[in-house]
Amino acid sequence: MIKLRVEGMSDQIRSFLQELHQNPSIEISQQEDGYTIMDQKIESCSKCLVVYSPQSRVQILKMTTLDGKVINIPLLDAACVQMDEKSQIVFGRNYDIFANKKRSHQNGSRKNEIK
């Protein structure tokens, strides 16, 4: 468990902690918001406990169609944002493990056609 203390402008702190909440490897608990006075300046601060549980960078997004078929989409560095009770946004990077083979195959066939 990590103890985290963030100081600065309240909107930047809120934005930073919101980014942390979106990371599936990080769980934030016991968050306390307050203020500090240093050199006659008032700054916002936030303290919290962070549990860091690194996950595999590849996660599988599973979607079910209306007819019951399951679609699996592998995503690299996926994240999920809950928009409201019924909807969420899932984003990440998709990759094609055969992409280089396709390109080299296409390039090879083009060379043969040119000759």
PDB file of N, CA and C in Angstrom:
ATOM      1  N   MET A   1       0.838  -1.172   0.000  1.00  0.00           N
ATOM      2  CA  MET A   1       0.000   0.000   0.000  1.00  0.00           C
ATOM      3  C   MET A   1       0.889   1.242   0.000  1.00  0.00           C
ATOM      4  N   ILE A   2       0.475   2.247  -0.737  1.00  0.00           N
ATOM      5  CA  ILE A   2       1.239   3.483  -0.878  1.00  0.00           C
ATOM      6  C   ILE A   2       0.416   4.631  -0.301  1.00  0.00           C
ATOM      7  N   LYS A   3       1.071   5.486   0.478  1.00  0.00           N
ATOM      8  CA  LYS A   3       0.421   6.708   0.954  1.00  0.00           C
ATOM      9  C   LYS A   3       0.759   7.817  -0.027  1.00  0.00           C
ATOM     10  N   LEU A   4      -0.259   8.519  -0.485  1.00  0.00           N
ATOM     11  CA  LEU A   4      -0.065   9.556  -1.488  1.00  0.00           C
ATOM     12  C   LEU A   4      -0.608  10.878  -0.957  1.00  0.00           C
ATOM     13  N   ARG A   5       0.186  11.927  -1.091  1.00  0.00           N
ATOM     14  CA  ARG A   5      -0.248  13.277  -0.722  1.00  0.00           C
ATOM     15  C   ARG A   5       0.002  14.171  -1.930  1.00  0.00           C
ATOM     16  N   VAL A   6      -1.034  14.840  -2.376  1.00  0.00           N
ATOM     17  CA  VAL A   6      -0.953  15.698  -3.547  1.00  0.00           C
ATOM     18  C   VAL A   6      -1.311  17.117  -3.125  1.00  0.00           C
ATOM     19  N   GLU A   7      -0.479  18.078  -3.520  1.00  0.00           N
ATOM     20  CA  GLU A   7      -0.735  19.482  -3.208  1.00  0.00           C
ATOM     21  C   GLU A   7      -0.769  20.281  -4.494  1.00  0.00           C
ATOM     22  N   GLY A   8      -1.616  21.300  -4.528  1.00  0.00           N
ATOM     23  CA  GLY A   8      -1.703  22.154  -5.702  1.00  0.00           C
ATOM     24  C   GLY A   8      -3.074  22.769  -5.821  1.00  0.00           C
ATOM     25  N   MET A   9      -3.407  23.165  -7.028  1.00  0.00           N
ATOM     26  CA  MET A   9      -4.720  23.759  -7.273  1.00  0.00           C
ATOM     27  C   MET A   9      -5.783  22.662  -7.227  1.00  0.00           C
ATOM     28  N   SER A  10      -6.922  22.965  -6.620  1.00  0.00           N
ATOM     29  CA  SER A  10      -7.939  21.936  -6.384  1.00  0.00           C
ATOM     30  C   SER A  10      -8.437  21.285  -7.674  1.00  0.00           C
ATOM     31  N   ASP A  11      -8.594  22.045  -8.760  1.00  0.00           N
ATOM     32  CA  ASP A  11      -9.061  21.436 -10.007  1.00  0.00           C
ATOM     33  C   ASP A  11      -8.017  20.501 -10.612  1.00  0.00           C
ATOM     34  N   GLN A  12      -6.732  20.819 -10.438  1.00  0.00           N
ATOM     35  CA  GLN A  12      -5.672  19.933 -10.934  1.00  0.00           C
ATOM     36  C   GLN A  12      -5.587  18.664 -10.091  1.00  0.00           C
ATOM     37  N   ILE A  13      -5.762  18.792  -8.780  1.00  0.00           N
ATOM     38  CA  ILE A  13      -5.764  17.612  -7.905  1.00  0.00           C
ATOM     39  C   ILE A  13      -6.920  16.697  -8.281  1.00  0.00           C
ATOM     40  N   ARG A  14      -8.104  17.274  -8.442  1.00  0.00           N
ATOM     41  CA  ARG A  14      -9.292  16.494  -8.791  1.00  0.00           C
ATOM     42  C   ARG A  14      -9.071  15.770 -10.117  1.00  0.00           C
ATOM     43  N   SER A  15      -8.514  16.468 -11.089  1.00  0.00           N
ATOM     44  CA  SER A  15      -8.247  15.885 -12.402  1.00  0.00           C
ATOM     45  C   SER A  15      -7.237  14.742 -12.310  1.00  0.00           C
ATOM     46  N   PHE A  16      -6.179  14.951 -11.531  1.00  0.00           N
ATOM     47  CA  PHE A  16      -5.139  13.937 -11.363  1.00  0.00           C
ATOM     48  C   PHE A  16      -5.704  12.681 -10.702  1.00  0.00           C
ATOM     49  N   LEU A  17      -6.468  12.857  -9.628  1.00  0.00           N
ATOM     50  CA  LEU A  17      -7.034  11.702  -8.929  1.00  0.00           C
ATOM     51  C   LEU A  17      -8.061  10.979  -9.795  1.00  0.00           C
ATOM     52  N   GLN A  18      -8.771  11.719 -10.633  1.00  0.00           N
ATOM     53  CA  GLN A  18      -9.718  11.102 -11.551  1.00  0.00           C
ATOM     54  C   GLN A  18      -8.983  10.205 -12.553  1.00  0.00           C
ATOM     55  N   GLU A  19      -7.826  10.660 -13.023  1.00  0.00           N
ATOM     56  CA  GLU A  19      -7.000   9.834 -13.916  1.00  0.00           C
ATOM     57  C   GLU A  19      -6.578   8.545 -13.212  1.00  0.00           C
ATOM     58  N   LEU A  20      -6.187   8.656 -11.945  1.00  0.00           N
ATOM     59  CA  LEU A  20      -5.788   7.462 -11.197  1.00  0.00           C
ATOM     60  C   LEU A  20      -6.950   6.490 -11.042  1.00  0.00           C
ATOM     61  N   HIS A  21      -8.156   7.022 -10.789  1.00  0.00           N
ATOM     62  CA  HIS A  21      -9.338   6.169 -10.629  1.00  0.00           C
ATOM     63  C   HIS A  21      -9.617   5.366 -11.891  1.00  0.00           C
ATOM     64  N   GLN A  22      -9.256   5.877 -13.064  1.00  0.00           N
ATOM     65  CA  GLN A  22      -9.527   5.192 -14.324  1.00  0.00           C
ATOM     66  C   GLN A  22      -8.573   4.039 -14.584  1.00  0.00           C
ATOM     67  N   ASN A  23      -7.459   4.006 -13.881  1.00  0.00           N
ATOM     68  CA  ASN A  23      -6.467   2.955 -14.088  1.00  0.00           C
ATOM     69  C   ASN A  23      -6.920   1.698 -13.353  1.00  0.00           C
ATOM     70  N   PRO A  24      -7.132   0.580 -14.070  1.00  0.00           N
ATOM     71  CA  PRO A  24      -7.619  -0.632 -13.409  1.00  0.00           C
ATOM     72  C   PRO A  24      -6.606  -1.253 -12.445  1.00  0.00           C
ATOM     73  N   SER A  25      -5.346  -0.857 -12.513  1.00  0.00           N
ATOM     74  CA  SER A  25      -4.320  -1.402 -11.622  1.00  0.00           C
ATOM     75  C   SER A  25      -4.249  -0.658 -10.295  1.00  0.00           C
ATOM     76  N   ILE A  26      -4.993   0.447 -10.170  1.00  0.00           N
ATOM     77  CA  ILE A  26      -4.893   1.298  -8.984  1.00  0.00           C
ATOM     78  C   ILE A  26      -6.240   1.393  -8.283  1.00  0.00           C
ATOM     79  N   GLU A  27      -6.210   1.178  -6.974  1.00  0.00           N
ATOM     80  CA  GLU A  27      -7.410   1.341  -6.152  1.00  0.00           C
ATOM     81  C   GLU A  27      -7.117   2.403  -5.099  1.00  0.00           C
ATOM     82  N   ILE A  28      -7.937   3.435  -5.050  1.00  0.00           N
ATOM     83  CA  ILE A  28      -7.741   4.535  -4.105  1.00  0.00           C
ATOM     84  C   ILE A  28      -8.740   4.402  -2.967  1.00  0.00           C
ATOM     85  N   SER A  29      -8.251   4.544  -1.728  1.00  0.00           N
ATOM     86  CA  SER A  29      -9.144   4.480  -0.570  1.00  0.00           C
ATOM     87  C   SER A  29      -8.748   5.543   0.446  1.00  0.00           C
ATOM     88  N   GLN A  30      -9.620   5.783   1.386  1.00  0.00           N
ATOM     89  CA  GLN A  30      -9.403   6.716   2.493  1.00  0.00           C
ATOM     90  C   GLN A  30      -8.919   8.079   2.002  1.00  0.00           C
ATOM     91  N   GLN A  31      -9.638   8.621   1.031  1.00  0.00           N
ATOM     92  CA  GLN A  31      -9.251   9.933   0.493  1.00  0.00           C
ATOM     93  C   GLN A  31      -9.728  11.036   1.422  1.00  0.00           C
ATOM     94  N   GLU A  32      -8.820  11.942   1.767  1.00  0.00           N
ATOM     95  CA  GLU A  32      -9.128  13.099   2.607  1.00  0.00           C
ATOM     96  C   GLU A  32      -8.703  14.358   1.864  1.00  0.00           C
ATOM     97  N   ASP A  33      -9.625  15.294   1.725  1.00  0.00           N
ATOM     98  CA  ASP A  33      -9.313  16.560   1.066  1.00  0.00           C
ATOM     99  C   ASP A  33      -9.193  17.653   2.119  1.00  0.00           C
ATOM    100  N   GLY A  34      -8.263  18.569   1.913  1.00  0.00           N
ATOM    101  CA  GLY A  34      -8.074  19.652   2.867  1.00  0.00           C
ATOM    102  C   GLY A  34      -7.233  20.765   2.276  1.00  0.00           C
ATOM    103  N   TYR A  35      -6.669  21.573   3.166  1.00  0.00           N
ATOM    104  CA  TYR A  35      -5.845  22.713   2.757  1.00  0.00           C
ATOM    105  C   TYR A  35      -4.583  22.759   3.601  1.00  0.00           C
ATOM    106  N   THR A  36      -3.516  23.313   3.041  1.00  0.00           N
ATOM    107  CA  THR A  36      -2.287  23.559   3.787  1.00  0.00           C
ATOM    108  C   THR A  36      -1.918  25.029   3.615  1.00  0.00           C
ATOM    109  N   ILE A  37      -1.254  25.564   4.632  1.00  0.00           N
ATOM    110  CA  ILE A  37      -0.778  26.948   4.564  1.00  0.00           C
ATOM    111  C   ILE A  37       0.737  26.911   4.659  1.00  0.00           C
ATOM    112  N   MET A  38       1.400  27.358   3.591  1.00  0.00           N
ATOM    113  CA  MET A  38       2.858  27.408   3.562  1.00  0.00           C
ATOM    114  C   MET A  38       3.279  28.755   2.997  1.00  0.00           C
ATOM    115  N   ASP A  39       4.169  29.432   3.692  1.00  0.00           N
ATOM    116  CA  ASP A  39       4.662  30.745   3.249  1.00  0.00           C
ATOM    117  C   ASP A  39       3.511  31.703   2.939  1.00  0.00           C
ATOM    118  N   GLN A  40       2.537  31.720   3.794  1.00  0.00           N
ATOM    119  CA  GLN A  40       1.356  32.583   3.688  1.00  0.00           C
ATOM    120  C   GLN A  40       0.537  32.318   2.422  1.00  0.00           C
ATOM    121  N   LYS A  41       0.648  31.117   1.872  1.00  0.00           N
ATOM    122  CA  LYS A  41      -0.154  30.723   0.718  1.00  0.00           C
ATOM    123  C   LYS A  41      -1.035  29.545   1.120  1.00  0.00           C
ATOM    124  N   ILE A  42      -2.272  29.589   0.709  1.00  0.00           N
ATOM    125  CA  ILE A  42      -3.198  28.489   0.980  1.00  0.00           C
ATOM    126  C   ILE A  42      -3.241  27.604  -0.262  1.00  0.00           C
ATOM    127  N   GLU A  43      -2.956  26.317  -0.067  1.00  0.00           N
ATOM    128  CA  GLU A  43      -2.987  25.355  -1.175  1.00  0.00           C
ATOM    129  C   GLU A  43      -3.908  24.207  -0.815  1.00  0.00           C
ATOM    130  N   SER A  44      -4.585  23.698  -1.820  1.00  0.00           N
ATOM    131  CA  SER A  44      -5.396  22.504  -1.625  1.00  0.00           C
ATOM    132  C   SER A  44      -4.479  21.303  -1.510  1.00  0.00           C
ATOM    133  N   CYS A  45      -4.917  20.314  -0.757  1.00  0.00           N
ATOM    134  CA  CYS A  45      -4.154  19.067  -0.684  1.00  0.00           C
ATOM    135  C   CYS A  45      -5.129  17.910  -0.548  1.00  0.00           C
ATOM    136  N   SER A  46      -4.670  16.760  -0.919  1.00  0.00           N
ATOM    137  CA  SER A  46      -5.465  15.552  -0.810  1.00  0.00           C
ATOM    138  C   SER A  46      -4.546  14.421  -0.390  1.00  0.00           C
ATOM    139  N   LYS A  47      -5.005  13.620   0.569  1.00  0.00           N
ATOM    140  CA  LYS A  47      -4.253  12.450   1.022  1.00  0.00           C
ATOM    141  C   LYS A  47      -5.104  11.220   0.734  1.00  0.00           C
ATOM    142  N   CYS A  48      -4.455  10.146   0.351  1.00  0.00           N
ATOM    143  CA  CYS A  48      -5.185   8.904   0.127  1.00  0.00           C
ATOM    144  C   CYS A  48      -4.230   7.722   0.208  1.00  0.00           C
ATOM    145  N   LEU A  49      -4.808   6.556   0.335  1.00  0.00           N
ATOM    146  CA  LEU A  49      -4.044   5.317   0.284  1.00  0.00           C
ATOM    147  C   LEU A  49      -4.264   4.703  -1.092  1.00  0.00           C
ATOM    148  N   VAL A  50      -3.194   4.215  -1.677  1.00  0.00           N
ATOM    149  CA  VAL A  50      -3.256   3.644  -3.021  1.00  0.00           C
ATOM    150  C   VAL A  50      -2.792   2.194  -2.959  1.00  0.00           C
ATOM    151  N   VAL A  51      -3.615   1.307  -3.489  1.00  0.00           N
ATOM    152  CA  VAL A  51      -3.223  -0.093  -3.637  1.00  0.00           C
ATOM    153  C   VAL A  51      -2.909  -0.295  -5.113  1.00  0.00           C
ATOM    154  N   TYR A  52      -1.669  -0.656  -5.391  1.00  0.00           N
ATOM    155  CA  TYR A  52      -1.225  -0.839  -6.769  1.00  0.00           C
ATOM    156  C   TYR A  52      -1.101  -2.322  -7.054  1.00  0.00           C
ATOM    157  N   SER A  53      -1.915  -2.823  -7.967  1.00  0.00           N
ATOM    158  CA  SER A  53      -1.903  -4.230  -8.362  1.00  0.00           C
ATOM    159  C   SER A  53      -1.725  -4.301  -9.871  1.00  0.00           C
ATOM    160  N   PRO A  54      -0.476  -4.344 -10.336  1.00  0.00           N
ATOM    161  CA  PRO A  54      -0.260  -4.353 -11.786  1.00  0.00           C
ATOM    162  C   PRO A  54      -0.946  -5.542 -12.448  1.00  0.00           C
ATOM    163  N   GLN A  55      -1.562  -5.267 -13.569  1.00  0.00           N
ATOM    164  CA  GLN A  55      -2.242  -6.307 -14.322  1.00  0.00           C
ATOM    165  C   GLN A  55      -1.515  -6.507 -15.644  1.00  0.00           C
ATOM    166  N   SER A  56      -1.908  -7.540 -16.322  1.00  0.00           N
ATOM    167  CA  SER A  56      -1.382  -7.759 -17.664  1.00  0.00           C
ATOM    168  C   SER A  56      -1.780  -6.574 -18.538  1.00  0.00           C
ATOM    169  N   ARG A  57      -0.919  -6.164 -19.440  1.00  0.00           N
ATOM    170  CA  ARG A  57      -1.237  -5.029 -20.312  1.00  0.00           C
ATOM    171  C   ARG A  57      -2.325  -5.385 -21.313  1.00  0.00           C
ATOM    172  N   VAL A  58      -2.527  -6.676 -21.550  1.00  0.00           N
ATOM    173  CA  VAL A  58      -3.547  -7.094 -22.505  1.00  0.00           C
ATOM    174  C   VAL A  58      -4.776  -7.570 -21.735  1.00  0.00           C
ATOM    175  N   GLN A  59      -5.915  -7.011 -22.076  1.00  0.00           N
ATOM    176  CA  GLN A  59      -7.177  -7.442 -21.492  1.00  0.00           C
ATOM    177  C   GLN A  59      -8.136  -7.758 -22.625  1.00  0.00           C
ATOM    178  N   ILE A  60      -9.083  -8.644 -22.358  1.00  0.00           N
ATOM    179  CA  ILE A  60     -10.045  -9.041 -23.376  1.00  0.00           C
ATOM    180  C   ILE A  60     -11.383  -8.365 -23.098  1.00  0.00           C
ATOM    181  N   LEU A  61     -11.861  -7.602 -24.067  1.00  0.00           N
ATOM    182  CA  LEU A  61     -13.189  -7.004 -23.991  1.00  0.00           C
ATOM    183  C   LEU A  61     -14.157  -8.024 -24.568  1.00  0.00           C
ATOM    184  N   LYS A  62     -15.134  -8.454 -23.763  1.00  0.00           N
ATOM    185  CA  LYS A  62     -16.120  -9.436 -24.223  1.00  0.00           C
ATOM    186  C   LYS A  62     -17.457  -8.731 -24.401  1.00  0.00           C
ATOM    187  N   MET A  63     -18.004  -8.843 -25.603  1.00  0.00           N
ATOM    188  CA  MET A  63     -19.313  -8.256 -25.900  1.00  0.00           C
ATOM    189  C   MET A  63     -20.230  -9.370 -26.392  1.00  0.00           C
ATOM    190  N   THR A  64     -21.480  -9.322 -25.970  1.00  0.00           N
ATOM    191  CA  THR A  64     -22.458 -10.321 -26.379  1.00  0.00           C
ATOM    192  C   THR A  64     -23.480  -9.662 -27.299  1.00  0.00           C
ATOM    193  N   THR A  65     -23.687 -10.268 -28.464  1.00  0.00           N
ATOM    194  CA  THR A  65     -24.658  -9.733 -29.413  1.00  0.00           C
ATOM    195  C   THR A  65     -26.067 -10.102 -28.965  1.00  0.00           C
ATOM    196  N   LEU A  66     -27.070  -9.521 -29.617  1.00  0.00           N
ATOM    197  CA  LEU A  66     -28.459  -9.808 -29.258  1.00  0.00           C
ATOM    198  C   LEU A  66     -28.819 -11.274 -29.466  1.00  0.00           C
ATOM    199  N   ASP A  67     -28.161 -11.938 -30.429  1.00  0.00           N
ATOM    200  CA  ASP A  67     -28.451 -13.353 -30.658  1.00  0.00           C
ATOM    201  C   ASP A  67     -27.571 -14.277 -29.820  1.00  0.00           C
ATOM    202  N   GLY A  68     -26.820 -13.726 -28.871  1.00  0.00           N
ATOM    203  CA  GLY A  68     -26.074 -14.544 -27.916  1.00  0.00           C
ATOM    204  C   GLY A  68     -24.641 -14.869 -28.294  1.00  0.00           C
ATOM    205  N   LYS A  69     -24.174 -14.415 -29.442  1.00  0.00           N
ATOM    206  CA  LYS A  69     -22.789 -14.675 -29.831  1.00  0.00           C
ATOM    207  C   LYS A  69     -21.852 -13.769 -29.031  1.00  0.00           C
ATOM    208  N   VAL A  70     -20.679 -14.296 -28.693  1.00  0.00           N
ATOM    209  CA  VAL A  70     -19.702 -13.536 -27.914  1.00  0.00           C
ATOM    210  C   VAL A  70     -18.585 -13.064 -28.836  1.00  0.00           C
ATOM    211  N   ILE A  71     -18.274 -11.775 -28.750  1.00  0.00           N
ATOM    212  CA  ILE A  71     -17.184 -11.189 -29.529  1.00  0.00           C
ATOM    213  C   ILE A  71     -16.076 -10.832 -28.554  1.00  0.00           C
ATOM    214  N   ASN A  72     -14.886 -11.357 -28.775  1.00  0.00           N
ATOM    215  CA  ASN A  72     -13.725 -11.061 -27.934  1.00  0.00           C
ATOM    216  C   ASN A  72     -12.786 -10.127 -28.689  1.00  0.00           C
ATOM    217  N   ILE A  73     -12.443  -9.010 -28.045  1.00  0.00           N
ATOM    218  CA  ILE A  73     -11.523  -8.053 -28.655  1.00  0.00           C
ATOM    219  C   ILE A  73     -10.358  -7.841 -27.695  1.00  0.00           C
ATOM    220  N   PRO A  74      -9.149  -8.277 -28.062  1.00  0.00           N
ATOM    221  CA  PRO A  74      -7.997  -8.020 -27.189  1.00  0.00           C
ATOM    222  C   PRO A  74      -7.591  -6.547 -27.268  1.00  0.00           C
ATOM    223  N   LEU A  75      -7.410  -5.918 -26.105  1.00  0.00           N
ATOM    224  CA  LEU A  75      -7.007  -4.514 -26.045  1.00  0.00           C
ATOM    225  C   LEU A  75      -5.753  -4.375 -25.207  1.00  0.00           C
ATOM    226  N   LEU A  76      -4.840  -3.584 -25.687  1.00  0.00           N
ATOM    227  CA  LEU A  76      -3.614  -3.282 -24.958  1.00  0.00           C
ATOM    228  C   LEU A  76      -3.834  -1.989 -24.187  1.00  0.00           C
ATOM    229  N   ASP A  77      -3.445  -1.964 -22.917  1.00  0.00           N
ATOM    230  CA  ASP A  77      -3.594  -0.783 -22.050  1.00  0.00           C
ATOM    231  C   ASP A  77      -5.040  -0.297 -22.013  1.00  0.00           C
ATOM    232  N   ALA A  78      -5.964  -1.209 -21.812  1.00  0.00           N
ATOM    233  CA  ALA A  78      -7.385  -0.864 -21.797  1.00  0.00           C
ATOM    234  C   ALA A  78      -7.755  -0.109 -20.528  1.00  0.00           C
ATOM    235  N   ALA A  79      -8.756   0.743 -20.659  1.00  0.00           N
ATOM    236  CA  ALA A  79      -9.311   1.464 -19.510  1.00  0.00           C
ATOM    237  C   ALA A  79     -10.808   1.595 -19.731  1.00  0.00           C
ATOM    238  N   CYS A  80     -11.533   1.792 -18.649  1.00  0.00           N
ATOM    239  CA  CYS A  80     -12.979   1.871 -18.711  1.00  0.00           C
ATOM    240  C   CYS A  80     -13.445   3.064 -17.883  1.00  0.00           C
ATOM    241  N   VAL A  81     -14.369   3.836 -18.441  1.00  0.00           N
ATOM    242  CA  VAL A  81     -14.932   4.987 -17.735  1.00  0.00           C
ATOM    243  C   VAL A  81     -16.441   4.787 -17.654  1.00  0.00           C
ATOM    244  N   GLN A  82     -16.978   4.791 -16.433  1.00  0.00           N
ATOM    245  CA  GLN A  82     -18.419   4.653 -16.227  1.00  0.00           C
ATOM    246  C   GLN A  82     -19.069   6.012 -16.467  1.00  0.00           C
ATOM    247  N   MET A  83     -19.912   6.114 -17.486  1.00  0.00           N
ATOM    248  CA  MET A  83     -20.549   7.383 -17.829  1.00  0.00           C
ATOM    249  C   MET A  83     -21.802   7.619 -16.986  1.00  0.00           C
ATOM    250  N   ASP A  84     -22.636   6.599 -16.869  1.00  0.00           N
ATOM    251  CA  ASP A  84     -23.812   6.643 -16.008  1.00  0.00           C
ATOM    252  C   ASP A  84     -24.147   5.207 -15.631  1.00  0.00           C
ATOM    253  N   GLU A  85     -25.341   4.969 -15.092  1.00  0.00           N
ATOM    254  CA  GLU A  85     -25.682   3.623 -14.621  1.00  0.00           C
ATOM    255  C   GLU A  85     -25.702   2.585 -15.734  1.00  0.00           C
ATOM    256  N   LYS A  86     -26.041   3.006 -16.951  1.00  0.00           N
ATOM    257  CA  LYS A  86     -26.224   2.049 -18.041  1.00  0.00           C
ATOM    258  C   LYS A  86     -25.131   2.062 -19.096  1.00  0.00           C
ATOM    259  N   SER A  87     -24.269   3.053 -19.084  1.00  0.00           N
ATOM    260  CA  SER A  87     -23.283   3.124 -20.166  1.00  0.00           C
ATOM    261  C   SER A  87     -21.878   3.389 -19.640  1.00  0.00           C
ATOM    262  N   GLN A  88     -20.928   2.841 -20.369  1.00  0.00           N
ATOM    263  CA  GLN A  88     -19.524   3.042 -20.055  1.00  0.00           C
ATOM    264  C   GLN A  88     -18.732   3.087 -21.353  1.00  0.00           C
ATOM    265  N   ILE A  89     -17.583   3.723 -21.286  1.00  0.00           N
ATOM    266  CA  ILE A  89     -16.697   3.809 -22.443  1.00  0.00           C
ATOM    267  C   ILE A  89     -15.479   2.948 -22.149  1.00  0.00           C
ATOM    268  N   VAL A  90     -15.150   2.068 -23.072  1.00  0.00           N
ATOM    269  CA  VAL A  90     -13.969   1.219 -22.956  1.00  0.00           C
ATOM    270  C   VAL A  90     -13.037   1.614 -24.091  1.00  0.00           C
ATOM    271  N   PHE A  91     -11.774   1.858 -23.750  1.00  0.00           N
ATOM    272  CA  PHE A  91     -10.830   2.231 -24.796  1.00  0.00           C
ATOM    273  C   PHE A  91      -9.482   1.576 -24.534  1.00  0.00           C
ATOM    274  N   GLY A  92      -8.731   1.424 -25.589  1.00  0.00           N
ATOM    275  CA  GLY A  92      -7.415   0.811 -25.522  1.00  0.00           C
ATOM    276  C   GLY A  92      -6.876   0.675 -26.933  1.00  0.00           C
ATOM    277  N   ARG A  93      -5.788  -0.030 -27.053  1.00  0.00           N
ATOM    278  CA  ARG A  93      -5.168  -0.220 -28.368  1.00  0.00           C
ATOM    279  C   ARG A  93      -5.413  -1.650 -28.826  1.00  0.00           C
ATOM    280  N   ASN A  94      -5.834  -1.771 -30.053  1.00  0.00           N
ATOM    281  CA  ASN A  94      -6.002  -3.084 -30.642  1.00  0.00           C
ATOM    282  C   ASN A  94      -4.817  -3.320 -31.567  1.00  0.00           C
ATOM    283  N   TYR A  95      -4.416  -4.532 -31.708  1.00  0.00           N
ATOM    284  CA  TYR A  95      -3.250  -4.831 -32.533  1.00  0.00           C
ATOM    285  C   TYR A  95      -3.526  -6.064 -33.376  1.00  0.00           C
ATOM    286  N   ASP A  96      -2.815  -6.179 -34.463  1.00  0.00           N
ATOM    287  CA  ASP A  96      -2.953  -7.304 -35.375  1.00  0.00           C
ATOM    288  C   ASP A  96      -1.616  -8.031 -35.417  1.00  0.00           C
ATOM    289  N   ILE A  97      -1.572  -9.232 -34.857  1.00  0.00           N
ATOM    290  CA  ILE A  97      -0.295  -9.954 -34.789  1.00  0.00           C
ATOM    291  C   ILE A  97       0.189 -10.390 -36.171  1.00  0.00           C
ATOM    292  N   PHE A  98      -0.707 -10.371 -37.154  1.00  0.00           N
ATOM    293  CA  PHE A  98      -0.320 -10.777 -38.499  1.00  0.00           C
ATOM    294  C   PHE A  98      -0.008  -9.586 -39.403  1.00  0.00           C
ATOM    295  N   ALA A  99      -0.026  -8.367 -38.869  1.00  0.00           N
ATOM    296  CA  ALA A  99       0.141  -7.163 -39.696  1.00  0.00           C
ATOM    297  C   ALA A  99       1.458  -7.177 -40.465  1.00  0.00           C
ATOM    298  N   ASN A 100       2.564  -7.491 -39.830  1.00  0.00           N
ATOM    299  CA  ASN A 100       3.859  -7.498 -40.520  1.00  0.00           C
ATOM    300  C   ASN A 100       3.915  -8.585 -41.578  1.00  0.00           C
ATOM    301  N   LYS A 101       3.322  -9.735 -41.296  1.00  0.00           N
ATOM    302  CA  LYS A 101       3.330 -10.818 -42.275  1.00  0.00           C
ATOM    303  C   LYS A 101       2.519 -10.428 -43.505  1.00  0.00           C
ATOM    304  N   LYS A 102       1.399  -9.740 -43.294  1.00  0.00           N
ATOM    305  CA  LYS A 102       0.583  -9.305 -44.431  1.00  0.00           C
ATOM    306  C   LYS A 102       1.358  -8.314 -45.290  1.00  0.00           C
ATOM    307  N   ARG A 103       2.018  -7.359 -44.662  1.00  0.00           N
ATOM    308  CA  ARG A 103       2.777  -6.351 -45.405  1.00  0.00           C
ATOM    309  C   ARG A 103       3.916  -6.993 -46.184  1.00  0.00           C
ATOM    310  N   SER A 104       4.654  -7.874 -45.537  1.00  0.00           N
ATOM    311  CA  SER A 104       5.783  -8.491 -46.231  1.00  0.00           C
ATOM    312  C   SER A 104       5.283  -9.396 -47.357  1.00  0.00           C
ATOM    313  N   HIS A 105       4.128 -10.028 -47.148  1.00  0.00           N
ATOM    314  CA  HIS A 105       3.560 -10.865 -48.198  1.00  0.00           C
ATOM    315  C   HIS A 105       3.136  -9.993 -49.383  1.00  0.00           C
ATOM    316  N   GLN A 106       2.486  -8.863 -49.089  1.00  0.00           N
ATOM    317  CA  GLN A 106       2.063  -7.963 -50.159  1.00  0.00           C
ATOM    318  C   GLN A 106       3.269  -7.372 -50.875  1.00  0.00           C
ATOM    319  N   ASN A 107       4.268  -6.961 -50.120  1.00  0.00           N
ATOM    320  CA  ASN A 107       5.471  -6.395 -50.731  1.00  0.00           C
ATOM    321  C   ASN A 107       6.160  -7.429 -51.611  1.00  0.00           C
ATOM    322  N   GLY A 108       6.201  -8.665 -51.151  1.00  0.00           N
ATOM    323  CA  GLY A 108       6.830  -9.726 -51.925  1.00  0.00           C
ATOM    324  C   GLY A 108       6.093  -9.973 -53.231  1.00  0.00           C
ATOM    325  N   SER A 109       4.760  -9.960 -53.187  1.00  0.00           N
ATOM    326  CA  SER A 109       4.002 -10.209 -54.412  1.00  0.00           C
ATOM    327  C   SER A 109       4.131  -9.036 -55.383  1.00  0.00           C
ATOM    328  N   ARG A 110       4.264  -7.835 -54.869  1.00  0.00           N
ATOM    329  CA  ARG A 110       4.461  -6.683 -55.745  1.00  0.00           C
ATOM    330  C   ARG A 110       5.805  -6.781 -56.455  1.00  0.00           C
ATOM    331  N   LYS A 111       6.817  -7.221 -55.735  1.00  0.00           N
ATOM    332  CA  LYS A 111       8.133  -7.365 -56.357  1.00  0.00           C
ATOM    333  C   LYS A 111       8.063  -8.379 -57.491  1.00  0.00           C
ATOM    334  N   ASN A 112       7.326  -9.449 -57.275  1.00  0.00           N
ATOM    335  CA  ASN A 112       7.201 -10.463 -58.317  1.00  0.00           C
ATOM    336  C   ASN A 112       6.459  -9.917 -59.536  1.00  0.00           C
ATOM    337  N   GLU A 113       5.466  -9.060 -59.297  1.00  0.00           N
ATOM    338  CA  GLU A 113       4.715  -8.506 -60.418  1.00  0.00           C
ATOM    339  C   GLU A 113       5.563  -7.543 -61.235  1.00  0.00           C
ATOM    340  N   ILE A 114       6.430  -6.785 -60.570  1.00  0.00           N
ATOM    341  CA  ILE A 114       7.257  -5.804 -61.264  1.00  0.00           C
ATOM    342  C   ILE A 114       8.272  -6.502 -62.154  1.00  0.00           C
ATOM    343  N   LYS A 115       8.807  -7.594 -61.731  1.00  0.00           N
ATOM    344  CA  LYS A 115       9.810  -8.316 -62.518  1.00  0.00           C
ATOM    345  C   LYS A 115       9.169  -8.813 -63.753  1.00  0.00           C
TER     346      LYS A 115
END
